[in-house]
């Protein structure tokens, strides 16, 4: 029995350094451009990182605008004529402005303009207004979009990395989101 306990302790001690050496995701120099559904950093320089409780407090106080950047699946181009296409429903935080596809690392000019107009709408033109940007848990889309908002000169950005996943885990209310219309569609 003592040997098994000793062996288990030795195994635990040997495994500890390996676990400690696993690097946490770090903030890249620019934007994340691939593998968007992966662990995200714990920080975003220049932004406040929110827990679910903090996001809920802002939502309940109506002290900030919530922006959902969850991508929207495109309608397949090869659908036979007459096929009915229904978008997958998106459950987001009530009152959110949904700006789909704005969290990619590389945004074409039309999408960049769409994001900038959406942020201006959400902030009512006040670059000091609190904007809470989210997507899903372990999704770099919200990290990219929040970083981009900072680059546009917004000074009160909050990033909610647990996104709608964390919101739903806390049994908070959601609404079926409708994307903000895009000029290119």
N, C-alpha and C. Protein backbone atom coordinates (compact mmCIF):
# COMPACT_ATOMS: atom_id res chain seq x y z
N UNK A 1 0.82 -1.19 0.00
CA UNK A 1 0.00 0.00 0.00
C UNK A 1 0.87 1.26 0.00
N UNK A 2 1.92 1.24 0.84
CA UNK A 2 2.81 2.40 0.92
C UNK A 2 3.50 2.64 -0.41
N UNK A 3 3.85 1.56 -1.10
CA UNK A 3 4.51 1.72 -2.40
C UNK A 3 3.60 2.39 -3.40
N UNK A 4 2.32 2.01 -3.39
CA UNK A 4 1.37 2.62 -4.32
C UNK A 4 1.19 4.10 -4.01
N UNK A 5 1.10 4.44 -2.74
CA UNK A 5 0.97 5.85 -2.35
C UNK A 5 2.23 6.61 -2.75
N UNK A 6 3.39 6.03 -2.48
CA UNK A 6 4.65 6.68 -2.84
C UNK A 6 4.76 6.85 -4.35
N UNK A 7 4.37 5.84 -5.10
CA UNK A 7 4.42 5.92 -6.56
C UNK A 7 3.47 7.01 -7.07
N UNK A 8 2.30 7.11 -6.47
CA UNK A 8 1.34 8.14 -6.88
C UNK A 8 1.88 9.53 -6.58
N UNK A 9 2.54 9.68 -5.42
CA UNK A 9 3.12 10.98 -5.08
C UNK A 9 4.24 11.35 -6.04
N UNK A 10 5.10 10.39 -6.36
CA UNK A 10 6.18 10.64 -7.31
C UNK A 10 5.61 11.04 -8.67
N UNK A 11 4.60 10.34 -9.13
CA UNK A 11 3.98 10.66 -10.41
C UNK A 11 3.39 12.08 -10.40
N UNK A 12 2.76 12.43 -9.28
CA UNK A 12 2.17 13.77 -9.17
C UNK A 12 3.24 14.85 -9.18
N UNK A 13 4.34 14.62 -8.48
CA UNK A 13 5.43 15.59 -8.44
C UNK A 13 6.07 15.74 -9.81
N UNK A 14 6.25 14.62 -10.50
CA UNK A 14 6.84 14.69 -11.84
C UNK A 14 5.92 15.35 -12.85
N UNK A 15 4.62 15.19 -12.69
CA UNK A 15 3.66 15.78 -13.63
C UNK A 15 3.48 17.27 -13.39
N UNK A 16 3.69 17.75 -12.17
CA UNK A 16 3.46 19.16 -11.84
C UNK A 16 4.26 20.12 -12.72
N UNK A 17 5.58 19.90 -12.90
CA UNK A 17 6.31 20.83 -13.77
C UNK A 17 5.79 20.82 -15.21
N UNK A 18 5.38 19.68 -15.70
CA UNK A 18 4.86 19.62 -17.06
C UNK A 18 3.59 20.45 -17.18
N UNK A 19 2.72 20.34 -16.18
CA UNK A 19 1.49 21.14 -16.21
C UNK A 19 1.81 22.62 -16.08
N UNK A 20 2.78 22.96 -15.24
CA UNK A 20 3.13 24.37 -15.04
C UNK A 20 3.77 24.97 -16.29
N UNK A 21 4.38 24.13 -17.13
CA UNK A 21 5.05 24.64 -18.32
C UNK A 21 4.11 24.83 -19.51
N UNK A 22 2.88 24.37 -19.39
CA UNK A 22 1.95 24.56 -20.50
C UNK A 22 1.68 26.05 -20.64
N UNK A 23 2.03 26.63 -21.76
CA UNK A 23 1.86 28.08 -21.89
C UNK A 23 0.39 28.47 -22.01
N UNK A 24 0.05 29.58 -21.37
CA UNK A 24 -1.29 30.13 -21.54
C UNK A 24 -1.30 30.84 -22.88
N UNK A 25 -2.47 30.97 -23.49
CA UNK A 25 -2.51 31.77 -24.71
C UNK A 25 -2.03 33.19 -24.41
N UNK A 26 -1.29 33.74 -25.32
CA UNK A 26 -0.75 35.08 -25.13
C UNK A 26 -1.40 36.02 -26.13
N UNK A 27 -1.29 37.30 -25.84
CA UNK A 27 -1.83 38.30 -26.75
C UNK A 27 -0.89 38.41 -27.96
N UNK A 28 -1.39 38.18 -29.15
CA UNK A 28 -0.53 38.32 -30.32
C UNK A 28 -0.26 39.79 -30.63
N UNK A 29 0.74 40.02 -31.46
CA UNK A 29 1.08 41.40 -31.87
C UNK A 29 -0.07 42.05 -32.61
N UNK A 30 -0.69 41.29 -33.49
CA UNK A 30 -1.80 41.83 -34.29
C UNK A 30 -3.09 41.13 -33.93
N UNK A 31 -3.81 40.70 -34.94
CA UNK A 31 -5.09 40.01 -34.75
C UNK A 31 -4.90 38.52 -35.01
N UNK A 32 -5.70 37.72 -34.36
CA UNK A 32 -5.68 36.27 -34.61
C UNK A 32 -6.35 36.03 -35.96
N UNK A 33 -5.68 35.29 -36.86
CA UNK A 33 -6.20 35.11 -38.22
C UNK A 33 -6.59 33.68 -38.56
N UNK A 34 -6.50 32.76 -37.59
CA UNK A 34 -6.92 31.39 -37.86
C UNK A 34 -7.26 30.72 -36.53
N UNK A 35 -7.78 29.50 -36.62
CA UNK A 35 -8.11 28.72 -35.42
C UNK A 35 -8.82 29.59 -34.38
N UNK A 36 -9.93 30.19 -34.79
CA UNK A 36 -10.65 31.13 -33.94
C UNK A 36 -11.29 30.49 -32.71
N UNK A 37 -11.63 29.21 -32.79
CA UNK A 37 -12.22 28.52 -31.63
C UNK A 37 -11.11 27.79 -30.89
N UNK A 38 -10.40 28.55 -30.08
CA UNK A 38 -9.28 28.02 -29.29
C UNK A 38 -9.19 28.84 -28.01
N UNK A 39 -8.48 28.33 -27.01
CA UNK A 39 -8.34 29.12 -25.78
C UNK A 39 -7.83 30.53 -26.08
N UNK A 40 -8.39 31.48 -25.36
CA UNK A 40 -8.05 32.90 -25.55
C UNK A 40 -7.20 33.38 -24.38
N UNK A 41 -6.51 34.50 -24.55
CA UNK A 41 -5.72 35.04 -23.43
C UNK A 41 -6.63 35.49 -22.28
N UNK A 42 -6.05 35.67 -21.14
CA UNK A 42 -6.79 36.17 -19.98
C UNK A 42 -6.88 37.68 -20.00
N UNK A 43 -6.16 38.30 -20.92
CA UNK A 43 -6.08 39.77 -20.97
C UNK A 43 -6.30 40.28 -22.38
N UNK A 44 -6.57 41.57 -22.45
CA UNK A 44 -6.58 42.32 -23.71
C UNK A 44 -6.12 43.72 -23.35
N UNK A 45 -4.90 44.05 -23.73
CA UNK A 45 -4.31 45.34 -23.37
C UNK A 45 -5.23 46.49 -23.77
N UNK A 46 -5.53 47.34 -22.80
CA UNK A 46 -6.37 48.51 -23.05
C UNK A 46 -7.84 48.29 -22.79
N UNK A 47 -8.23 47.04 -22.58
CA UNK A 47 -9.64 46.71 -22.35
C UNK A 47 -9.81 46.10 -20.97
N UNK A 48 -11.00 46.19 -20.47
CA UNK A 48 -11.36 45.52 -19.21
C UNK A 48 -11.92 44.15 -19.58
N UNK A 49 -11.47 43.12 -18.89
CA UNK A 49 -11.96 41.76 -19.13
C UNK A 49 -13.03 41.47 -18.08
N UNK A 50 -14.22 41.05 -18.55
CA UNK A 50 -15.37 40.87 -17.67
C UNK A 50 -15.63 39.41 -17.33
N UNK A 51 -16.06 39.19 -16.11
CA UNK A 51 -16.63 37.91 -15.71
C UNK A 51 -18.12 37.96 -16.07
N UNK A 52 -18.79 36.84 -15.95
CA UNK A 52 -20.23 36.82 -16.21
C UNK A 52 -20.96 37.73 -15.22
N UNK A 53 -20.57 37.70 -13.96
CA UNK A 53 -21.23 38.55 -12.95
C UNK A 53 -21.06 40.03 -13.29
N UNK A 54 -19.88 40.43 -13.75
CA UNK A 54 -19.65 41.83 -14.13
C UNK A 54 -20.46 42.21 -15.36
N UNK A 55 -20.50 41.30 -16.35
CA UNK A 55 -21.29 41.57 -17.56
C UNK A 55 -22.77 41.69 -17.20
N UNK A 56 -23.24 40.82 -16.33
CA UNK A 56 -24.65 40.88 -15.92
C UNK A 56 -24.95 42.20 -15.22
N UNK A 57 -24.06 42.67 -14.36
CA UNK A 57 -24.28 43.94 -13.65
C UNK A 57 -24.38 45.10 -14.64
N UNK A 58 -23.53 45.13 -15.65
CA UNK A 58 -23.59 46.17 -16.67
C UNK A 58 -24.90 46.09 -17.43
N UNK A 59 -25.30 44.85 -17.78
CA UNK A 59 -26.54 44.65 -18.53
C UNK A 59 -27.74 45.09 -17.71
N UNK A 60 -27.79 44.69 -16.44
CA UNK A 60 -28.93 45.05 -15.59
C UNK A 60 -29.00 46.56 -15.35
N UNK A 61 -27.82 47.20 -15.21
CA UNK A 61 -27.77 48.65 -14.99
C UNK A 61 -27.97 49.45 -16.28
N UNK A 62 -27.92 48.73 -17.42
CA UNK A 62 -28.00 49.39 -18.74
C UNK A 62 -26.91 50.47 -18.87
N UNK A 63 -25.74 50.15 -18.34
CA UNK A 63 -24.65 51.12 -18.35
C UNK A 63 -23.67 50.93 -19.51
N UNK A 64 -23.93 49.96 -20.36
CA UNK A 64 -23.08 49.75 -21.52
C UNK A 64 -23.86 49.11 -22.65
N UNK A 65 -23.33 49.24 -23.84
CA UNK A 65 -23.93 48.63 -25.03
C UNK A 65 -23.24 47.30 -25.30
N UNK A 66 -24.02 46.26 -25.57
CA UNK A 66 -23.48 44.93 -25.83
C UNK A 66 -23.43 44.68 -27.33
N UNK A 67 -22.28 44.19 -27.78
CA UNK A 67 -22.05 43.93 -29.20
C UNK A 67 -21.63 42.48 -29.37
N UNK A 68 -22.44 41.75 -30.12
CA UNK A 68 -22.20 40.34 -30.42
C UNK A 68 -21.53 40.27 -31.79
N UNK A 69 -20.39 39.60 -31.87
CA UNK A 69 -19.67 39.50 -33.14
C UNK A 69 -19.64 38.06 -33.69
N UNK A 70 -20.54 37.22 -33.17
CA UNK A 70 -20.62 35.83 -33.63
C UNK A 70 -20.80 35.79 -35.15
N UNK A 71 -19.99 35.00 -35.85
CA UNK A 71 -20.16 34.89 -37.30
C UNK A 71 -21.52 34.29 -37.66
N UNK A 72 -21.95 34.57 -38.84
CA UNK A 72 -23.21 34.04 -39.37
C UNK A 72 -22.88 33.12 -40.53
N UNK A 73 -23.43 31.93 -40.49
CA UNK A 73 -23.17 30.98 -41.57
C UNK A 73 -23.73 31.52 -42.88
N UNK A 74 -22.93 31.53 -43.93
CA UNK A 74 -23.43 32.03 -45.22
C UNK A 74 -24.37 31.02 -45.87
N UNK A 75 -25.27 31.54 -46.67
CA UNK A 75 -26.16 30.69 -47.45
C UNK A 75 -25.30 29.98 -48.50
N UNK A 76 -25.38 28.66 -48.57
CA UNK A 76 -24.56 27.93 -49.56
C UNK A 76 -24.89 28.41 -50.98
N UNK A 77 -23.83 28.60 -51.77
CA UNK A 77 -24.01 29.12 -53.14
C UNK A 77 -24.57 28.07 -54.09
N UNK A 78 -24.41 26.79 -53.76
CA UNK A 78 -24.82 25.73 -54.68
C UNK A 78 -26.18 25.12 -54.33
N UNK A 79 -27.00 25.83 -53.58
CA UNK A 79 -28.33 25.29 -53.25
C UNK A 79 -29.18 25.23 -54.52
N UNK A 80 -29.88 24.15 -54.72
CA UNK A 80 -30.78 24.08 -55.88
C UNK A 80 -31.86 25.17 -55.77
N UNK A 81 -32.26 25.68 -56.90
CA UNK A 81 -33.29 26.72 -56.93
C UNK A 81 -34.55 26.21 -56.23
N UNK A 82 -35.15 27.06 -55.45
CA UNK A 82 -36.37 26.71 -54.73
C UNK A 82 -36.12 26.11 -53.36
N UNK A 83 -34.85 25.84 -53.03
CA UNK A 83 -34.54 25.29 -51.71
C UNK A 83 -34.72 26.37 -50.66
N UNK A 84 -35.39 26.03 -49.60
CA UNK A 84 -35.59 26.98 -48.52
C UNK A 84 -34.34 27.00 -47.64
N UNK A 85 -33.81 28.19 -47.38
CA UNK A 85 -32.65 28.34 -46.51
C UNK A 85 -33.08 29.06 -45.24
N UNK A 86 -32.78 28.45 -44.13
CA UNK A 86 -33.07 29.08 -42.84
C UNK A 86 -31.77 29.21 -42.07
N UNK A 87 -31.49 30.43 -41.65
CA UNK A 87 -30.31 30.66 -40.81
C UNK A 87 -30.48 29.93 -39.49
N UNK A 88 -29.37 29.48 -38.94
CA UNK A 88 -29.41 28.91 -37.59
C UNK A 88 -29.71 30.05 -36.63
N UNK A 89 -30.62 29.84 -35.69
CA UNK A 89 -30.93 30.92 -34.75
C UNK A 89 -29.73 31.25 -33.87
N UNK A 90 -29.60 32.50 -33.53
CA UNK A 90 -28.52 32.96 -32.64
C UNK A 90 -29.16 33.53 -31.38
N UNK A 91 -28.85 32.91 -30.26
CA UNK A 91 -29.32 33.39 -28.97
C UNK A 91 -28.24 34.31 -28.40
N UNK A 92 -28.58 35.57 -28.20
CA UNK A 92 -27.59 36.47 -27.64
C UNK A 92 -28.13 37.22 -26.43
N UNK A 93 -27.30 38.02 -25.83
CA UNK A 93 -27.67 38.79 -24.65
C UNK A 93 -28.73 39.82 -25.08
N UNK A 94 -29.87 39.88 -24.40
CA UNK A 94 -30.93 40.80 -24.81
C UNK A 94 -30.43 42.24 -24.96
N UNK A 95 -30.86 42.86 -26.06
CA UNK A 95 -30.46 44.24 -26.34
C UNK A 95 -29.17 44.38 -27.11
N UNK A 96 -28.52 43.25 -27.41
CA UNK A 96 -27.24 43.31 -28.12
C UNK A 96 -27.42 43.76 -29.56
N UNK A 97 -26.39 44.41 -30.06
CA UNK A 97 -26.29 44.72 -31.49
C UNK A 97 -25.43 43.61 -32.07
N UNK A 98 -26.00 42.84 -33.01
CA UNK A 98 -25.25 41.72 -33.60
C UNK A 98 -24.60 42.18 -34.88
N UNK A 99 -23.28 42.19 -34.87
CA UNK A 99 -22.47 42.57 -36.03
C UNK A 99 -21.68 41.34 -36.47
N UNK A 100 -22.35 40.40 -37.16
CA UNK A 100 -21.68 39.14 -37.50
C UNK A 100 -20.49 39.34 -38.43
N UNK A 101 -19.55 38.44 -38.30
CA UNK A 101 -18.39 38.36 -39.18
C UNK A 101 -17.40 39.51 -39.02
N UNK A 102 -17.49 40.26 -37.93
CA UNK A 102 -16.59 41.41 -37.74
C UNK A 102 -15.41 41.07 -36.83
N UNK A 103 -15.27 39.82 -36.44
CA UNK A 103 -14.18 39.44 -35.56
C UNK A 103 -13.05 38.70 -36.25
N UNK A 104 -13.13 38.57 -37.55
CA UNK A 104 -12.03 37.90 -38.26
C UNK A 104 -10.77 38.75 -38.16
N UNK A 105 -9.62 38.11 -38.29
CA UNK A 105 -8.35 38.81 -38.19
C UNK A 105 -8.11 39.77 -39.33
N UNK A 106 -8.55 39.40 -40.51
CA UNK A 106 -8.43 40.27 -41.68
C UNK A 106 -9.83 40.64 -42.15
N UNK A 107 -10.14 41.92 -42.09
CA UNK A 107 -11.47 42.37 -42.53
C UNK A 107 -11.35 43.11 -43.86
N UNK A 108 -12.16 42.73 -44.84
CA UNK A 108 -12.19 43.52 -46.07
C UNK A 108 -12.74 44.91 -45.75
N UNK A 109 -12.45 45.90 -46.59
CA UNK A 109 -12.88 47.27 -46.31
C UNK A 109 -14.38 47.41 -46.00
N UNK A 110 -15.24 46.67 -46.70
CA UNK A 110 -16.68 46.78 -46.45
C UNK A 110 -17.03 46.29 -45.05
N UNK A 111 -16.38 45.23 -44.58
CA UNK A 111 -16.66 44.72 -43.23
C UNK A 111 -16.06 45.63 -42.17
N UNK A 112 -14.91 46.21 -42.45
CA UNK A 112 -14.31 47.16 -41.53
C UNK A 112 -15.24 48.36 -41.36
N UNK A 113 -15.78 48.85 -42.46
CA UNK A 113 -16.72 49.97 -42.41
C UNK A 113 -17.99 49.58 -41.65
N UNK A 114 -18.48 48.37 -41.88
CA UNK A 114 -19.67 47.85 -41.19
C UNK A 114 -19.44 47.83 -39.69
N UNK A 115 -18.27 47.36 -39.26
CA UNK A 115 -17.95 47.33 -37.83
C UNK A 115 -17.86 48.75 -37.28
N UNK A 116 -17.18 49.63 -37.98
CA UNK A 116 -17.05 51.01 -37.49
C UNK A 116 -18.41 51.69 -37.38
N UNK A 117 -19.29 51.49 -38.36
CA UNK A 117 -20.63 52.08 -38.29
C UNK A 117 -21.44 51.46 -37.15
N UNK A 118 -21.29 50.16 -36.93
CA UNK A 118 -21.99 49.50 -35.83
C UNK A 118 -21.53 50.01 -34.47
N UNK A 119 -20.22 50.17 -34.31
CA UNK A 119 -19.70 50.70 -33.05
C UNK A 119 -20.18 52.13 -32.81
N UNK A 120 -20.20 52.93 -33.87
CA UNK A 120 -20.69 54.31 -33.75
C UNK A 120 -22.17 54.31 -33.35
N UNK A 121 -22.94 53.40 -33.93
CA UNK A 121 -24.36 53.29 -33.59
C UNK A 121 -24.54 52.88 -32.13
N UNK A 122 -23.81 51.85 -31.70
CA UNK A 122 -23.93 51.33 -30.33
C UNK A 122 -23.50 52.38 -29.30
N UNK A 123 -22.48 53.16 -29.64
CA UNK A 123 -21.94 54.15 -28.70
C UNK A 123 -22.62 55.51 -28.83
N UNK A 124 -23.52 55.62 -29.80
CA UNK A 124 -24.18 56.90 -30.10
C UNK A 124 -23.14 57.98 -30.40
N UNK A 125 -22.06 57.56 -31.04
CA UNK A 125 -21.01 58.50 -31.45
C UNK A 125 -20.06 58.92 -30.34
N UNK A 126 -20.19 58.34 -29.16
CA UNK A 126 -19.35 58.70 -28.02
C UNK A 126 -18.27 57.65 -27.85
N UNK A 127 -17.04 57.97 -28.21
CA UNK A 127 -15.95 56.98 -28.14
C UNK A 127 -15.54 56.65 -26.71
N UNK A 128 -16.13 57.33 -25.72
CA UNK A 128 -15.88 57.00 -24.31
C UNK A 128 -17.00 56.14 -23.73
N UNK A 129 -18.03 55.85 -24.51
CA UNK A 129 -19.14 55.02 -24.02
C UNK A 129 -18.65 53.59 -23.80
N UNK A 130 -19.23 52.94 -22.81
CA UNK A 130 -18.86 51.55 -22.51
C UNK A 130 -19.46 50.61 -23.55
N UNK A 131 -18.59 49.86 -24.21
CA UNK A 131 -18.99 48.85 -25.19
C UNK A 131 -18.50 47.49 -24.70
N UNK A 132 -19.43 46.55 -24.57
CA UNK A 132 -19.10 45.19 -24.14
C UNK A 132 -19.15 44.30 -25.37
N UNK A 133 -18.02 43.72 -25.72
CA UNK A 133 -17.90 42.93 -26.94
C UNK A 133 -17.74 41.45 -26.57
N UNK A 134 -18.54 40.62 -27.24
CA UNK A 134 -18.53 39.19 -26.92
C UNK A 134 -18.87 38.35 -28.15
N UNK A 135 -18.70 37.05 -27.98
CA UNK A 135 -19.05 36.04 -28.99
C UNK A 135 -19.42 34.78 -28.21
N UNK A 136 -18.58 33.76 -28.29
CA UNK A 136 -18.71 32.51 -27.53
C UNK A 136 -17.49 32.36 -26.64
N UNK A 137 -17.51 31.40 -25.76
CA UNK A 137 -16.32 31.09 -24.97
C UNK A 137 -15.25 30.52 -25.90
N UNK A 138 -14.00 30.79 -25.57
CA UNK A 138 -12.87 30.33 -26.39
C UNK A 138 -13.04 30.69 -27.85
N UNK A 139 -13.38 31.93 -28.08
CA UNK A 139 -13.55 32.44 -29.45
C UNK A 139 -12.75 33.73 -29.61
N UNK A 140 -11.81 33.69 -30.52
CA UNK A 140 -10.96 34.85 -30.77
C UNK A 140 -11.69 35.98 -31.51
N UNK A 141 -12.87 35.70 -32.03
CA UNK A 141 -13.60 36.74 -32.76
C UNK A 141 -13.85 37.96 -31.88
N UNK A 142 -14.28 37.74 -30.64
CA UNK A 142 -14.55 38.87 -29.76
C UNK A 142 -13.26 39.57 -29.35
N UNK A 143 -12.19 38.81 -29.15
CA UNK A 143 -10.91 39.41 -28.81
C UNK A 143 -10.45 40.33 -29.94
N UNK A 144 -10.53 39.82 -31.18
CA UNK A 144 -10.14 40.64 -32.34
C UNK A 144 -10.99 41.89 -32.45
N UNK A 145 -12.30 41.74 -32.33
CA UNK A 145 -13.20 42.89 -32.49
C UNK A 145 -12.97 43.93 -31.39
N UNK A 146 -12.75 43.47 -30.16
CA UNK A 146 -12.48 44.41 -29.07
C UNK A 146 -11.16 45.14 -29.30
N UNK A 147 -10.17 44.41 -29.76
CA UNK A 147 -8.88 45.05 -30.05
C UNK A 147 -9.03 46.07 -31.18
N UNK A 148 -9.82 45.72 -32.17
CA UNK A 148 -10.05 46.63 -33.29
C UNK A 148 -10.77 47.90 -32.81
N UNK A 149 -11.75 47.74 -31.91
CA UNK A 149 -12.46 48.91 -31.37
C UNK A 149 -11.48 49.84 -30.66
N UNK A 150 -10.54 49.27 -29.92
CA UNK A 150 -9.51 50.08 -29.27
C UNK A 150 -8.68 50.83 -30.32
N UNK A 151 -8.34 50.14 -31.41
CA UNK A 151 -7.56 50.76 -32.48
C UNK A 151 -8.33 51.90 -33.15
N UNK A 152 -9.66 51.82 -33.17
CA UNK A 152 -10.49 52.89 -33.74
C UNK A 152 -10.59 54.09 -32.80
N UNK A 153 -10.06 53.98 -31.59
CA UNK A 153 -10.08 55.09 -30.66
C UNK A 153 -11.12 55.01 -29.56
N UNK A 154 -11.82 53.89 -29.45
CA UNK A 154 -12.79 53.73 -28.35
C UNK A 154 -11.99 53.48 -27.08
N UNK A 155 -12.34 54.19 -26.02
CA UNK A 155 -11.53 54.14 -24.80
C UNK A 155 -12.15 53.35 -23.65
N UNK A 156 -13.38 52.88 -23.81
CA UNK A 156 -14.04 52.18 -22.72
C UNK A 156 -14.57 50.83 -23.23
N UNK A 157 -13.63 49.97 -23.59
CA UNK A 157 -13.97 48.67 -24.15
C UNK A 157 -13.88 47.61 -23.07
N UNK A 158 -14.93 46.80 -22.98
CA UNK A 158 -14.94 45.65 -22.09
C UNK A 158 -15.10 44.41 -22.95
N UNK A 159 -14.25 43.44 -22.71
CA UNK A 159 -14.28 42.19 -23.45
C UNK A 159 -14.85 41.12 -22.52
N UNK A 160 -15.88 40.44 -22.99
CA UNK A 160 -16.53 39.39 -22.21
C UNK A 160 -16.17 38.05 -22.86
N UNK A 161 -15.04 37.42 -22.45
CA UNK A 161 -14.56 36.23 -23.13
C UNK A 161 -15.44 34.99 -23.00
N UNK A 162 -16.28 34.89 -21.97
CA UNK A 162 -17.16 33.73 -21.86
C UNK A 162 -18.38 33.85 -22.77
N UNK A 163 -18.67 35.05 -23.22
CA UNK A 163 -19.71 35.29 -24.21
C UNK A 163 -21.05 34.65 -23.87
N UNK A 164 -21.79 34.36 -24.92
CA UNK A 164 -23.13 33.81 -24.73
C UNK A 164 -23.09 32.44 -24.06
N UNK A 165 -21.98 31.71 -24.19
CA UNK A 165 -21.86 30.42 -23.49
C UNK A 165 -21.89 30.63 -21.98
N UNK A 166 -21.08 31.56 -21.49
CA UNK A 166 -21.05 31.85 -20.06
C UNK A 166 -22.37 32.42 -19.57
N UNK A 167 -22.98 33.25 -20.41
CA UNK A 167 -24.27 33.86 -20.07
C UNK A 167 -25.33 32.77 -19.89
N UNK A 168 -25.38 31.84 -20.83
CA UNK A 168 -26.38 30.76 -20.74
C UNK A 168 -26.08 29.80 -19.59
N UNK A 169 -24.79 29.53 -19.32
CA UNK A 169 -24.43 28.67 -18.18
C UNK A 169 -24.93 29.27 -16.87
N UNK A 170 -24.98 30.60 -16.80
CA UNK A 170 -25.46 31.28 -15.59
C UNK A 170 -26.99 31.39 -15.58
N UNK A 171 -27.64 30.78 -16.57
CA UNK A 171 -29.10 30.79 -16.68
C UNK A 171 -29.67 32.20 -16.78
N UNK A 172 -28.94 33.07 -17.48
CA UNK A 172 -29.41 34.44 -17.71
C UNK A 172 -30.25 34.46 -18.98
N UNK A 173 -31.12 35.44 -19.12
CA UNK A 173 -32.02 35.46 -20.28
C UNK A 173 -31.28 35.73 -21.59
N UNK A 174 -31.82 35.17 -22.65
CA UNK A 174 -31.30 35.43 -24.00
C UNK A 174 -32.47 35.76 -24.90
N UNK A 175 -32.15 36.39 -26.02
CA UNK A 175 -33.12 36.69 -27.06
C UNK A 175 -32.60 36.10 -28.36
N UNK A 176 -33.51 35.84 -29.28
CA UNK A 176 -33.06 35.44 -30.61
C UNK A 176 -32.57 36.69 -31.32
N UNK A 177 -31.29 36.67 -31.67
CA UNK A 177 -30.66 37.84 -32.29
C UNK A 177 -30.96 37.93 -33.77
N UNK A 178 -31.00 39.15 -34.23
CA UNK A 178 -31.11 39.44 -35.66
C UNK A 178 -29.91 40.29 -36.04
N UNK A 179 -29.18 39.91 -37.08
CA UNK A 179 -27.99 40.67 -37.42
C UNK A 179 -28.34 42.07 -37.93
N UNK A 180 -27.46 42.99 -37.62
CA UNK A 180 -27.58 44.34 -38.15
C UNK A 180 -27.43 44.23 -39.67
N UNK A 181 -28.33 44.84 -40.44
CA UNK A 181 -28.22 44.72 -41.91
C UNK A 181 -26.88 45.24 -42.42
N UNK A 182 -26.37 44.51 -43.42
CA UNK A 182 -25.11 44.90 -44.05
C UNK A 182 -25.39 45.45 -45.43
N UNK A 183 -24.66 46.47 -45.83
CA UNK A 183 -24.89 47.04 -47.17
C UNK A 183 -24.51 46.11 -48.30
N UNK A 184 -23.62 45.12 -48.04
CA UNK A 184 -23.16 44.23 -49.09
C UNK A 184 -24.04 43.00 -49.25
N UNK A 185 -25.19 42.96 -48.56
CA UNK A 185 -26.08 41.79 -48.71
C UNK A 185 -27.45 42.21 -49.14
